[in-house]
Amino acid sequence: MKHKIFFINERGVAGVIEALLLVALVAIILSFIQLYYIPEIMKDREADHMDQVSNQFSYLKSVIEIQSTMGIINEESGNPKYTAYTSSSSPITMGSRELPYFISQRSSGQISIIDQDSSGPYKINIQPAPLDFPSGIPLTSIKYDAYNYYYLDASKIIYALEGGGIILKQSDGEIMSVFPAMNIVNYTDDIEINWDIPVFICVPGKNITGGYKESYIRTNYTTYYEHQGTANFVQIYTDYPDAWKHSLINTSRGLLWEYYDNGYLNVQVDKSTNPDRVIITPGTKNIDLRLTIIEIGTQVGAGAVIS
């Protein structure tokens, strides 16, 4: 009778245990990276994207101002055809991509244009009213809504080019990050306000777009109007009254702060209306308005409509 003797291969068992421990270690490391580092990386990516959009809106504002200046010069010289159909496309990066190989969420955005036809209650009321705009000057805007998932606890961020200024709205408030094209001159009896106001004219069906890829805003100069005269009041009906107040009478930096502080004119925010309004009225000096209202053809999305 033969006896069989079995031996335990301790080396083989140790190898299997080492492999399992290595897999567990890798899983722990990946889980730690996923839970702690990926959200921070994505937050930084979304913050960088917001900085990029801010710079792109500044570029868009400068393009519109250049088009306006050249359009007015050529129109006054009798050559409007050289600028009436000359357009420029300004890029806006809509969102940021997710990270490869890890679980993450891409951000997205939406561009919408509030143009002359859709501005509705958003307007600049002046008394006496301009002859070309008896019901008020349309307060149009190009607005970008950012839908983030990591930055600022996933709160929505809005950039808006309105009245010639760039507004930034976040969950903790709003500011005018770039002031409108407004120049103030202090005379003995008057405060002269020179203000260039863009009014956006949009092609039907080309006023909104969304996604995460790069999109383009196409703009071109159309025509302009002028208004000059003493104003009993200026009323700005807007969704961003605090941003407008910030640009006008923010301590030491506001466009009208010196004259408001000296009592030459008054600025107040009225939130009893819909939308809210910012009211500018004379103080110890009269308000002399010199407005240049520039119509800008605008469209967004892929392709372009030529009319």
C-alpha atoms as a PDB file:
ATOM      1  CA  MET A   1       0.000   0.000   0.000  1.00  0.00           C
ATOM      2  CA  LYS A   2       1.375   3.355  -1.048  1.00  0.00           C
ATOM      3  CA  HIS A   3       1.047   6.541   0.950  1.00  0.00           C
ATOM      4  CA  LYS A   4       0.685   9.871  -0.822  1.00  0.00           C
ATOM      5  CA  ILE A   5       2.155  12.892   0.862  1.00  0.00           C
ATOM      6  CA  PHE A   6       0.766  16.365  -0.037  1.00  0.00           C
ATOM      7  CA  PHE A   7       2.897  19.492   0.381  1.00  0.00           C
ATOM      8  CA  ILE A   8       1.512  23.040   0.637  1.00  0.00           C
ATOM      9  CA  ASN A   9       3.125  25.405  -1.906  1.00  0.00           C
ATOM     10  CA  GLU A  10       3.510  28.361   0.374  1.00  0.00           C
ATOM     11  CA  ARG A  11       5.230  30.378  -2.346  1.00  0.00           C
ATOM     12  CA  GLY A  12       2.178  30.088  -4.658  1.00  0.00           C
ATOM     13  CA  VAL A  13      -0.230  31.207  -1.926  1.00  0.00           C
ATOM     14  CA  ALA A  14       1.968  34.165  -1.024  1.00  0.00           C
ATOM     15  CA  GLY A  15       2.046  35.241  -4.675  1.00  0.00           C
ATOM     16  CA  VAL A  16      -1.741  35.239  -4.923  1.00  0.00           C
ATOM     17  CA  ILE A  17      -2.072  37.254  -1.708  1.00  0.00           C
ATOM     18  CA  GLU A  18       0.493  39.780  -2.947  1.00  0.00           C
ATOM     19  CA  ALA A  19      -1.445  40.185  -6.208  1.00  0.00           C
ATOM     20  CA  LEU A  20      -4.708  40.742  -4.317  1.00  0.00           C
ATOM     21  CA  LEU A  21      -3.065  43.282  -2.029  1.00  0.00           C
ATOM     22  CA  LEU A  22      -1.626  45.146  -5.004  1.00  0.00           C
ATOM     23  CA  VAL A  23      -5.048  45.248  -6.690  1.00  0.00           C
ATOM     24  CA  ALA A  24      -6.609  46.508  -3.466  1.00  0.00           C
ATOM     25  CA  LEU A  25      -3.908  49.142  -3.111  1.00  0.00           C
ATOM     26  CA  VAL A  26      -4.422  50.351  -6.682  1.00  0.00           C
ATOM     27  CA  ALA A  27      -8.194  50.445  -6.101  1.00  0.00           C
ATOM     28  CA  ILE A  28      -7.725  52.494  -2.929  1.00  0.00           C
ATOM     29  CA  ILE A  29      -5.402  54.935  -4.697  1.00  0.00           C
ATOM     30  CA  LEU A  30      -7.789  55.331  -7.656  1.00  0.00           C
ATOM     31  CA  SER A  31     -10.726  55.813  -5.302  1.00  0.00           C
ATOM     32  CA  PHE A  32      -8.809  58.460  -3.357  1.00  0.00           C
ATOM     33  CA  ILE A  33      -7.925  60.260  -6.589  1.00  0.00           C
ATOM     34  CA  GLN A  34     -11.540  60.043  -7.806  1.00  0.00           C
ATOM     35  CA  LEU A  35     -13.027  61.340  -4.557  1.00  0.00           C
ATOM     36  CA  TYR A  36     -10.558  64.088  -3.677  1.00  0.00           C
ATOM     37  CA  TYR A  37      -8.348  65.092  -6.601  1.00  0.00           C
ATOM     38  CA  ILE A  38     -10.692  64.835  -9.594  1.00  0.00           C
ATOM     39  CA  PRO A  39     -13.254  67.327  -8.190  1.00  0.00           C
ATOM     40  CA  GLU A  40     -10.446  69.817  -7.469  1.00  0.00           C
ATOM     41  CA  ILE A  41      -8.961  69.344 -10.930  1.00  0.00           C
ATOM     42  CA  MET A  42     -12.376  69.833 -12.534  1.00  0.00           C
ATOM     43  CA  LYS A  43     -13.042  72.879 -10.370  1.00  0.00           C
ATOM     44  CA  ASP A  44      -9.784  74.423 -11.603  1.00  0.00           C
ATOM     45  CA  ARG A  45     -10.705  73.569 -15.202  1.00  0.00           C
ATOM     46  CA  GLU A  46     -14.095  75.252 -14.854  1.00  0.00           C
ATOM     47  CA  ALA A  47     -12.520  78.292 -13.155  1.00  0.00           C
ATOM     48  CA  ASP A  48     -10.031  78.593 -16.025  1.00  0.00           C
ATOM     49  CA  HIS A  49     -12.931  78.303 -18.467  1.00  0.00           C
ATOM     50  CA  MET A  50     -14.755  81.180 -16.727  1.00  0.00           C
ATOM     51  CA  ASP A  51     -11.621  83.317 -17.046  1.00  0.00           C
ATOM     52  CA  GLN A  52     -11.485  82.386 -20.728  1.00  0.00           C
ATOM     53  CA  VAL A  53     -15.122  83.426 -21.260  1.00  0.00           C
ATOM     54  CA  SER A  54     -14.455  86.714 -19.449  1.00  0.00           C
ATOM     55  CA  ASN A  55     -11.573  87.451 -21.832  1.00  0.00           C
ATOM     56  CA  GLN A  56     -13.703  86.447 -24.839  1.00  0.00           C
ATOM     57  CA  PHE A  57     -16.482  88.820 -23.791  1.00  0.00           C
ATOM     58  CA  SER A  58     -13.932  91.623 -23.446  1.00  0.00           C
ATOM     59  CA  TYR A  59     -12.747  90.817 -26.960  1.00  0.00           C
ATOM     60  CA  LEU A  60     -16.360  90.824 -28.208  1.00  0.00           C
ATOM     61  CA  LYS A  61     -16.937  94.235 -26.625  1.00  0.00           C
ATOM     62  CA  SER A  62     -13.803  95.661 -28.266  1.00  0.00           C
ATOM     63  CA  VAL A  63     -14.830  94.235 -31.673  1.00  0.00           C
ATOM     64  CA  ILE A  64     -18.271  95.861 -31.413  1.00  0.00           C
ATOM     65  CA  GLU A  65     -16.753  99.189 -30.392  1.00  0.00           C
ATOM     66  CA  ILE A  66     -14.313  99.112 -33.321  1.00  0.00           C
ATOM     67  CA  GLN A  67     -17.112  98.205 -35.741  1.00  0.00           C
ATOM     68  CA  SER A  68     -19.240 101.028 -34.321  1.00  0.00           C
ATOM     69  CA  THR A  69     -16.491 103.618 -34.614  1.00  0.00           C
ATOM     70  CA  MET A  70     -15.515 102.656 -38.147  1.00  0.00           C
ATOM     71  CA  GLY A  71     -19.157 102.394 -39.214  1.00  0.00           C
ATOM     72  CA  ILE A  72     -19.994 105.878 -37.951  1.00  0.00           C
ATOM     73  CA  ILE A  73     -16.866 107.370 -39.546  1.00  0.00           C
ATOM     74  CA  ASN A  74     -17.625 105.795 -42.923  1.00  0.00           C
ATOM     75  CA  GLU A  75     -21.298 106.700 -42.753  1.00  0.00           C
ATOM     76  CA  GLU A  76     -20.489 110.326 -41.978  1.00  0.00           C
ATOM     77  CA  SER A  77     -17.996 110.374 -44.850  1.00  0.00           C
ATOM     78  CA  GLY A  78     -20.643 109.042 -47.244  1.00  0.00           C
ATOM     79  CA  ASN A  79     -19.197 105.509 -47.582  1.00  0.00           C
ATOM     80  CA  PRO A  80     -21.478 103.297 -45.476  1.00  0.00           C
ATOM     81  CA  LYS A  81     -21.219 100.370 -47.905  1.00  0.00           C
ATOM     82  CA  TYR A  82     -17.692  99.593 -46.725  1.00  0.00           C
ATOM     83  CA  THR A  83     -18.873  98.696 -43.229  1.00  0.00           C
ATOM     84  CA  ALA A  84     -22.567  97.863 -43.529  1.00  0.00           C
ATOM     85  CA  TYR A  85     -21.830  94.288 -44.614  1.00  0.00           C
ATOM     86  CA  THR A  86     -18.428  93.820 -42.997  1.00  0.00           C
ATOM     87  CA  SER A  87     -18.830  91.325 -40.177  1.00  0.00           C
ATOM     88  CA  SER A  88     -16.621  89.770 -37.555  1.00  0.00           C
ATOM     89  CA  SER A  89     -16.990  86.462 -35.723  1.00  0.00           C
ATOM     90  CA  SER A  90     -15.984  86.401 -32.059  1.00  0.00           C
ATOM     91  CA  PRO A  91     -15.446  82.989 -30.388  1.00  0.00           C
ATOM     92  CA  ILE A  92     -17.088  81.943 -27.141  1.00  0.00           C
ATOM     93  CA  THR A  93     -16.037  78.655 -25.550  1.00  0.00           C
ATOM     94  CA  MET A  94     -19.270  77.156 -24.296  1.00  0.00           C
ATOM     95  CA  GLY A  95     -17.961  74.594 -21.788  1.00  0.00           C
ATOM     96  CA  SER A  96     -15.098  72.395 -20.647  1.00  0.00           C
ATOM     97  CA  ARG A  97     -14.577  68.689 -21.390  1.00  0.00           C
ATOM     98  CA  GLU A  98     -14.554  65.879 -18.862  1.00  0.00           C
ATOM     99  CA  LEU A  99     -11.327  64.109 -17.880  1.00  0.00           C
ATOM    100  CA  PRO A 100     -10.533  60.847 -19.712  1.00  0.00           C
ATOM    101  CA  TYR A 101     -10.426  57.543 -17.774  1.00  0.00           C
ATOM    102  CA  PHE A 102     -12.074  59.052 -14.682  1.00  0.00           C
ATOM    103  CA  ILE A 103     -15.671  59.712 -13.738  1.00  0.00           C
ATOM    104  CA  SER A 104     -16.246  63.427 -14.306  1.00  0.00           C
ATOM    105  CA  GLN A 105     -18.877  65.720 -15.774  1.00  0.00           C
ATOM    106  CA  ARG A 106     -18.400  68.229 -18.563  1.00  0.00           C
ATOM    107  CA  SER A 107     -19.714  71.766 -18.169  1.00  0.00           C
ATOM    108  CA  SER A 108     -21.865  73.469 -20.776  1.00  0.00           C
ATOM    109  CA  GLY A 109     -23.213  76.883 -21.632  1.00  0.00           C
ATOM    110  CA  GLN A 110     -25.835  78.786 -23.560  1.00  0.00           C
ATOM    111  CA  ILE A 111     -25.672  82.049 -25.504  1.00  0.00           C
ATOM    112  CA  SER A 112     -28.850  84.034 -25.992  1.00  0.00           C
ATOM    113  CA  ILE A 113     -29.432  87.425 -27.563  1.00  0.00           C
ATOM    114  CA  ILE A 114     -32.048  89.838 -26.235  1.00  0.00           C
ATOM    115  CA  ASP A 115     -32.462  92.020 -29.301  1.00  0.00           C
ATOM    116  CA  GLN A 116     -34.497  95.092 -30.182  1.00  0.00           C
ATOM    117  CA  ASP A 117     -37.622  93.044 -30.929  1.00  0.00           C
ATOM    118  CA  SER A 118     -37.458  90.895 -27.781  1.00  0.00           C
ATOM    119  CA  SER A 119     -36.183  93.473 -25.261  1.00  0.00           C
ATOM    120  CA  GLY A 120     -39.728  94.239 -24.075  1.00  0.00           C
ATOM    121  CA  PRO A 121     -39.541  95.955 -20.669  1.00  0.00           C
ATOM    122  CA  TYR A 122     -35.739  96.129 -20.759  1.00  0.00           C
ATOM    123  CA  LYS A 123     -35.067  99.668 -21.887  1.00  0.00           C
ATOM    124  CA  ILE A 124     -33.550 103.051 -21.118  1.00  0.00           C
ATOM    125  CA  ASN A 125     -36.232 105.664 -20.518  1.00  0.00           C
ATOM    126  CA  ILE A 126     -35.289 109.296 -20.965  1.00  0.00           C
ATOM    127  CA  GLN A 127     -37.385 112.402 -20.524  1.00  0.00           C
ATOM    128  CA  PRO A 128     -37.679 114.141 -22.939  1.00  0.00           C
ATOM    129  CA  ALA A 129     -37.570 110.972 -25.039  1.00  0.00           C
ATOM    130  CA  PRO A 130     -35.382 110.692 -28.162  1.00  0.00           C
ATOM    131  CA  LEU A 131     -37.323 111.261 -31.379  1.00  0.00           C
ATOM    132  CA  ASP A 132     -36.106 107.953 -32.841  1.00  0.00           C
ATOM    133  CA  PHE A 133     -37.078 106.005 -29.691  1.00  0.00           C
ATOM    134  CA  PRO A 134     -40.206 107.626 -28.221  1.00  0.00           C
ATOM    135  CA  SER A 135     -40.974 104.549 -26.075  1.00  0.00           C
ATOM    136  CA  GLY A 136     -37.441 104.234 -24.757  1.00  0.00           C
ATOM    137  CA  ILE A 137     -34.126 102.934 -26.050  1.00  0.00           C
ATOM    138  CA  PRO A 138     -34.119  99.088 -26.108  1.00  0.00           C
ATOM    139  CA  LEU A 139     -31.682  97.719 -23.538  1.00  0.00           C
ATOM    140  CA  THR A 140     -30.450  94.721 -25.513  1.00  0.00           C
ATOM    141  CA  SER A 141     -27.870  92.189 -24.412  1.00  0.00           C
ATOM    142  CA  ILE A 142     -25.757  89.201 -25.368  1.00  0.00           C
ATOM    143  CA  LYS A 143     -25.953  86.759 -22.471  1.00  0.00           C
ATOM    144  CA  TYR A 144     -23.919  83.660 -21.666  1.00  0.00           C
ATOM    145  CA  ASP A 145     -25.241  81.206 -19.044  1.00  0.00           C
ATOM    146  CA  ALA A 146     -22.626  78.832 -17.655  1.00  0.00           C
ATOM    147  CA  TYR A 147     -23.748  75.491 -16.230  1.00  0.00           C
ATOM    148  CA  ASN A 148     -20.898  74.243 -14.056  1.00  0.00           C
ATOM    149  CA  TYR A 149     -20.792  71.132 -11.879  1.00  0.00           C
ATOM    150  CA  TYR A 150     -17.805  71.823  -9.637  1.00  0.00           C
ATOM    151  CA  TYR A 151     -16.947  75.530  -9.614  1.00  0.00           C
ATOM    152  CA  LEU A 152     -18.693  77.629  -6.910  1.00  0.00           C
ATOM    153  CA  ASP A 153     -20.788  74.643  -5.816  1.00  0.00           C
ATOM    154  CA  ALA A 154     -22.345  74.239  -9.263  1.00  0.00           C
ATOM    155  CA  SER A 155     -24.038  77.651  -9.163  1.00  0.00           C
ATOM    156  CA  LYS A 156     -25.013  79.203 -12.479  1.00  0.00           C
ATOM    157  CA  ILE A 157     -22.802  82.056 -13.687  1.00  0.00           C
ATOM    158  CA  ILE A 158     -23.965  84.697 -16.129  1.00  0.00           C
ATOM    159  CA  TYR A 159     -21.950  87.018 -18.345  1.00  0.00           C
ATOM    160  CA  ALA A 160     -23.936  89.711 -20.123  1.00  0.00           C
ATOM    161  CA  LEU A 161     -22.894  92.437 -22.548  1.00  0.00           C
ATOM    162  CA  GLU A 162     -25.561  95.073 -21.866  1.00  0.00           C
ATOM    163  CA  GLY A 163     -25.634  98.798 -22.521  1.00  0.00           C
ATOM    164  CA  GLY A 164     -21.979  98.673 -23.531  1.00  0.00           C
ATOM    165  CA  GLY A 165     -20.783  97.111 -20.255  1.00  0.00           C
ATOM    166  CA  ILE A 166     -19.924  93.538 -19.258  1.00  0.00           C
ATOM    167  CA  ILE A 167     -21.853  92.197 -16.274  1.00  0.00           C
ATOM    168  CA  LEU A 168     -20.822  89.202 -14.177  1.00  0.00           C
ATOM    169  CA  LYS A 169     -23.532  87.611 -12.025  1.00  0.00           C
ATOM    170  CA  GLN A 170     -22.839  84.813  -9.538  1.00  0.00           C
ATOM    171  CA  SER A 171     -24.645  83.323  -6.576  1.00  0.00           C
ATOM    172  CA  ASP A 172     -22.988  85.807  -4.218  1.00  0.00           C
ATOM    173  CA  GLY A 173     -23.840  88.929  -6.219  1.00  0.00           C
ATOM    174  CA  GLU A 174     -23.195  90.841  -9.413  1.00  0.00           C
ATOM    175  CA  ILE A 175     -20.755  93.463 -10.661  1.00  0.00           C
ATOM    176  CA  MET A 176     -19.984  95.389 -13.822  1.00  0.00           C
ATOM    177  CA  SER A 177     -16.631  93.821 -14.632  1.00  0.00           C
ATOM    178  CA  VAL A 178     -16.056  96.166 -17.610  1.00  0.00           C
ATOM    179  CA  PHE A 179     -17.753  99.560 -17.511  1.00  0.00           C
ATOM    180  CA  PRO A 180     -19.849 100.852 -20.432  1.00  0.00           C
ATOM    181  CA  ALA A 181     -18.461 103.364 -22.926  1.00  0.00           C
ATOM    182  CA  MET A 182     -19.484 106.414 -20.927  1.00  0.00           C
ATOM    183  CA  ASN A 183     -17.525 109.666 -20.651  1.00  0.00           C
ATOM    184  CA  ILE A 184     -18.443 112.342 -18.090  1.00  0.00           C
ATOM    185  CA  VAL A 185     -17.629 116.071 -18.341  1.00  0.00           C
ATOM    186  CA  ASN A 186     -18.233 118.424 -15.407  1.00  0.00           C
ATOM    187  CA  TYR A 187     -19.320 121.941 -16.407  1.00  0.00           C
ATOM    188  CA  THR A 188     -20.376 124.870 -14.246  1.00  0.00           C
ATOM    189  CA  ASP A 189     -24.104 124.174 -14.474  1.00  0.00           C
ATOM    190  CA  ASP A 190     -24.259 120.785 -16.204  1.00  0.00           C
ATOM    191  CA  ILE A 191     -22.977 117.250 -15.973  1.00  0.00           C
ATOM    192  CA  GLU A 192     -22.473 116.094 -19.559  1.00  0.00           C
ATOM    193  CA  ILE A 193     -22.875 112.335 -20.051  1.00  0.00           C
ATOM    194  CA  ASN A 194     -21.556 110.949 -23.344  1.00  0.00           C
ATOM    195  CA  TRP A 195     -22.744 107.372 -23.767  1.00  0.00           C
ATOM    196  CA  ASP A 196     -22.392 104.936 -26.671  1.00  0.00           C
ATOM    197  CA  ILE A 197     -25.225 102.396 -26.481  1.00  0.00           C
ATOM    198  CA  PRO A 198     -25.177  99.289 -28.726  1.00  0.00           C
ATOM    199  CA  VAL A 199     -28.601  98.002 -29.765  1.00  0.00           C
ATOM    200  CA  PHE A 200     -28.505  94.431 -31.069  1.00  0.00           C
ATOM    201  CA  ILE A 201     -30.607  93.458 -34.094  1.00  0.00           C
ATOM    202  CA  CYS A 202     -30.925  89.682 -34.473  1.00  0.00           C
ATOM    203  CA  VAL A 203     -31.792  87.441 -37.408  1.00  0.00           C
ATOM    204  CA  PRO A 204     -34.819  85.214 -36.644  1.00  0.00           C
ATOM    205  CA  GLY A 205     -33.735  81.757 -35.536  1.00  0.00           C
ATOM    206  CA  LYS A 206     -30.144  82.869 -34.861  1.00  0.00           C
ATOM    207  CA  ASN A 207     -30.553  84.239 -31.359  1.00  0.00           C
ATOM    208  CA  ILE A 208     -29.702  81.227 -29.186  1.00  0.00           C
ATOM    209  CA  THR A 209     -27.242  78.334 -29.106  1.00  0.00           C
ATOM    210  CA  GLY A 210     -25.860  75.942 -26.522  1.00  0.00           C
ATOM    211  CA  GLY A 211     -23.492  73.050 -25.891  1.00  0.00           C
ATOM    212  CA  TYR A 212     -19.930  72.592 -24.705  1.00  0.00           C
ATOM    213  CA  LYS A 213     -17.910  73.245 -27.853  1.00  0.00           C
ATOM    214  CA  GLU A 214     -16.744  76.592 -29.220  1.00  0.00           C
ATOM    215  CA  SER A 215     -19.381  78.808 -30.783  1.00  0.00           C
ATOM    216  CA  TYR A 216     -19.213  82.156 -32.566  1.00  0.00           C
ATOM    217  CA  ILE A 217     -21.041  85.455 -32.299  1.00  0.00           C
ATOM    218  CA  ARG A 218     -21.239  87.235 -35.638  1.00  0.00           C
ATOM    219  CA  THR A 219     -21.622  91.032 -35.484  1.00  0.00           C
ATOM    220  CA  ASN A 220     -21.742  93.828 -38.029  1.00  0.00           C
ATOM    221  CA  TYR A 221     -22.430  97.550 -37.936  1.00  0.00           C
ATOM    222  CA  THR A 222     -25.817  98.651 -39.322  1.00  0.00           C
ATOM    223  CA  THR A 223     -26.545 102.307 -38.556  1.00  0.00           C
ATOM    224  CA  TYR A 224     -26.571 104.837 -35.728  1.00  0.00           C
ATOM    225  CA  TYR A 225     -28.716 107.552 -34.158  1.00  0.00           C
ATOM    226  CA  GLU A 226     -27.822 110.545 -32.023  1.00  0.00           C
ATOM    227  CA  HIS A 227     -29.657 112.238 -29.172  1.00  0.00           C
ATOM    228  CA  GLN A 228     -28.593 115.390 -27.364  1.00  0.00           C
ATOM    229  CA  GLY A 229     -30.387 117.453 -24.773  1.00  0.00           C
ATOM    230  CA  THR A 230     -31.128 118.080 -21.122  1.00  0.00           C
ATOM    231  CA  ALA A 231     -32.710 115.126 -19.312  1.00  0.00           C
ATOM    232  CA  ASN A 232     -35.178 115.259 -16.442  1.00  0.00           C
ATOM    233  CA  PHE A 233     -34.321 111.643 -15.639  1.00  0.00           C
ATOM    234  CA  VAL A 234     -32.655 108.516 -17.012  1.00  0.00           C
ATOM    235  CA  GLN A 235     -34.213 105.175 -16.052  1.00  0.00           C
ATOM    236  CA  ILE A 236     -32.416 101.900 -16.803  1.00  0.00           C
ATOM    237  CA  TYR A 237     -34.762  98.879 -16.602  1.00  0.00           C
ATOM    238  CA  THR A 238     -32.565  95.836 -16.108  1.00  0.00           C
ATOM    239  CA  ASP A 239     -32.162  92.444 -14.433  1.00  0.00           C
ATOM    240  CA  TYR A 240     -28.820  93.635 -13.037  1.00  0.00           C
ATOM    241  CA  PRO A 241     -29.512  96.823 -11.026  1.00  0.00           C
ATOM    242  CA  ASP A 242     -26.717  96.204  -8.524  1.00  0.00           C
ATOM    243  CA  ALA A 243     -24.175  95.814 -11.326  1.00  0.00           C
ATOM    244  CA  TRP A 244     -25.290  99.101 -12.872  1.00  0.00           C
ATOM    245  CA  LYS A 245     -25.169 100.798  -9.484  1.00  0.00           C
ATOM    246  CA  HIS A 246     -21.664  99.377  -9.018  1.00  0.00           C
ATOM    247  CA  SER A 247     -20.518 100.878 -12.322  1.00  0.00           C
ATOM    248  CA  LEU A 248     -22.075 104.284 -11.634  1.00  0.00           C
ATOM    249  CA  ILE A 249     -21.499 105.090  -7.964  1.00  0.00           C
ATOM    250  CA  ASN A 250     -19.142 102.469  -6.599  1.00  0.00           C
ATOM    251  CA  THR A 251     -16.850 104.302  -4.178  1.00  0.00           C
ATOM    252  CA  SER A 252     -13.980 106.052  -6.030  1.00  0.00           C
ATOM    253  CA  ARG A 253     -14.305 103.837  -9.113  1.00  0.00           C
ATOM    254  CA  GLY A 254     -17.855 104.543 -10.257  1.00  0.00           C
ATOM    255  CA  LEU A 255     -18.337 106.611 -13.401  1.00  0.00           C
ATOM    256  CA  LEU A 256     -20.628 109.060 -11.582  1.00  0.00           C
ATOM    257  CA  TRP A 257     -19.267 108.692  -8.052  1.00  0.00           C
ATOM    258  CA  GLU A 258     -17.599 112.122  -7.802  1.00  0.00           C
ATOM    259  CA  TYR A 259     -20.698 113.930  -9.045  1.00  0.00           C
ATOM    260  CA  TYR A 260     -23.035 111.792  -6.945  1.00  0.00           C
ATOM    261  CA  ASP A 261     -20.893 112.341  -3.841  1.00  0.00           C
ATOM    262  CA  ASN A 262     -20.955 116.124  -4.392  1.00  0.00           C
ATOM    263  CA  GLY A 263     -24.717 116.143  -4.915  1.00  0.00           C
ATOM    264  CA  TYR A 264     -24.520 117.253  -8.552  1.00  0.00           C
ATOM    265  CA  LEU A 265     -26.821 114.353  -9.510  1.00  0.00           C
ATOM    266  CA  ASN A 266     -28.711 111.536  -7.818  1.00  0.00           C
ATOM    267  CA  VAL A 267     -28.557 107.779  -8.446  1.00  0.00           C
ATOM    268  CA  GLN A 268     -30.889 105.256  -6.830  1.00  0.00           C
ATOM    269  CA  VAL A 269     -32.064 101.671  -7.339  1.00  0.00           C
ATOM    270  CA  ASP A 270     -35.791 100.967  -7.406  1.00  0.00           C
ATOM    271  CA  LYS A 271     -36.682  97.270  -6.985  1.00  0.00           C
ATOM    272  CA  SER A 272     -40.436  97.818  -6.847  1.00  0.00           C
ATOM    273  CA  THR A 273     -40.772  97.571 -10.624  1.00  0.00           C
ATOM    274  CA  ASN A 274     -40.478  94.563 -12.923  1.00  0.00           C
ATOM    275  CA  PRO A 275     -37.743  94.564 -14.054  1.00  0.00           C
ATOM    276  CA  ASP A 276     -35.828  96.636 -11.502  1.00  0.00           C
ATOM    277  CA  ARG A 277     -34.610 100.062 -12.523  1.00  0.00           C
ATOM    278  CA  VAL A 278     -31.716 102.406 -11.851  1.00  0.00           C
ATOM    279  CA  ILE A 279     -32.767 106.068 -11.798  1.00  0.00           C
ATOM    280  CA  ILE A 280     -30.453 108.999 -12.509  1.00  0.00           C
ATOM    281  CA  THR A 281     -31.857 112.468 -11.793  1.00  0.00           C
ATOM    282  CA  PRO A 282     -30.372 115.982 -11.600  1.00  0.00           C
ATOM    283  CA  GLY A 283     -29.086 117.256  -8.277  1.00  0.00           C
ATOM    284  CA  THR A 284     -27.575 120.700  -7.986  1.00  0.00           C
ATOM    285  CA  LYS A 285     -26.601 120.506 -11.675  1.00  0.00           C
ATOM    286  CA  ASN A 286     -28.497 119.644 -14.848  1.00  0.00           C
ATOM    287  CA  ILE A 287     -27.912 116.430 -16.815  1.00  0.00           C
ATOM    288  CA  ASP A 288     -26.884 117.013 -20.420  1.00  0.00           C
ATOM    289  CA  LEU A 289     -27.140 113.757 -22.376  1.00  0.00           C
ATOM    290  CA  ARG A 290     -25.212 113.075 -25.563  1.00  0.00           C
ATOM    291  CA  LEU A 291     -26.140 109.595 -26.713  1.00  0.00           C
ATOM    292  CA  THR A 292     -24.898 107.630 -29.692  1.00  0.00           C
ATOM    293  CA  ILE A 293     -27.183 104.645 -30.292  1.00  0.00           C
ATOM    294  CA  ILE A 294     -25.578 102.097 -32.619  1.00  0.00           C
ATOM    295  CA  GLU A 295     -27.507  99.250 -34.215  1.00  0.00           C
ATOM    296  CA  ILE A 296     -25.413  96.082 -34.424  1.00  0.00           C
ATOM    297  CA  GLY A 297     -26.529  93.088 -36.502  1.00  0.00           C
ATOM    298  CA  THR A 298     -25.978  89.973 -34.391  1.00  0.00           C
ATOM    299  CA  GLN A 299     -26.356  86.222 -34.790  1.00  0.00           C
ATOM    300  CA  VAL A 300     -25.028  83.107 -33.069  1.00  0.00           C
ATOM    301  CA  GLY A 301     -24.578  79.453 -33.921  1.00  0.00           C
ATOM    302  CA  ALA A 302     -23.236  77.580 -36.886  1.00  0.00           C
ATOM    303  CA  GLY A 303     -23.364  79.293 -40.261  1.00  0.00           C
ATOM    304  CA  ALA A 304     -24.601  82.784 -41.058  1.00  0.00           C
ATOM    305  CA  VAL A 305     -27.676  84.322 -42.566  1.00  0.00           C
ATOM    306  CA  ILE A 306     -26.966  87.058 -45.134  1.00  0.00           C
ATOM    307  CA  SER A 307     -29.872  89.365 -45.869  1.00  0.00           C
END
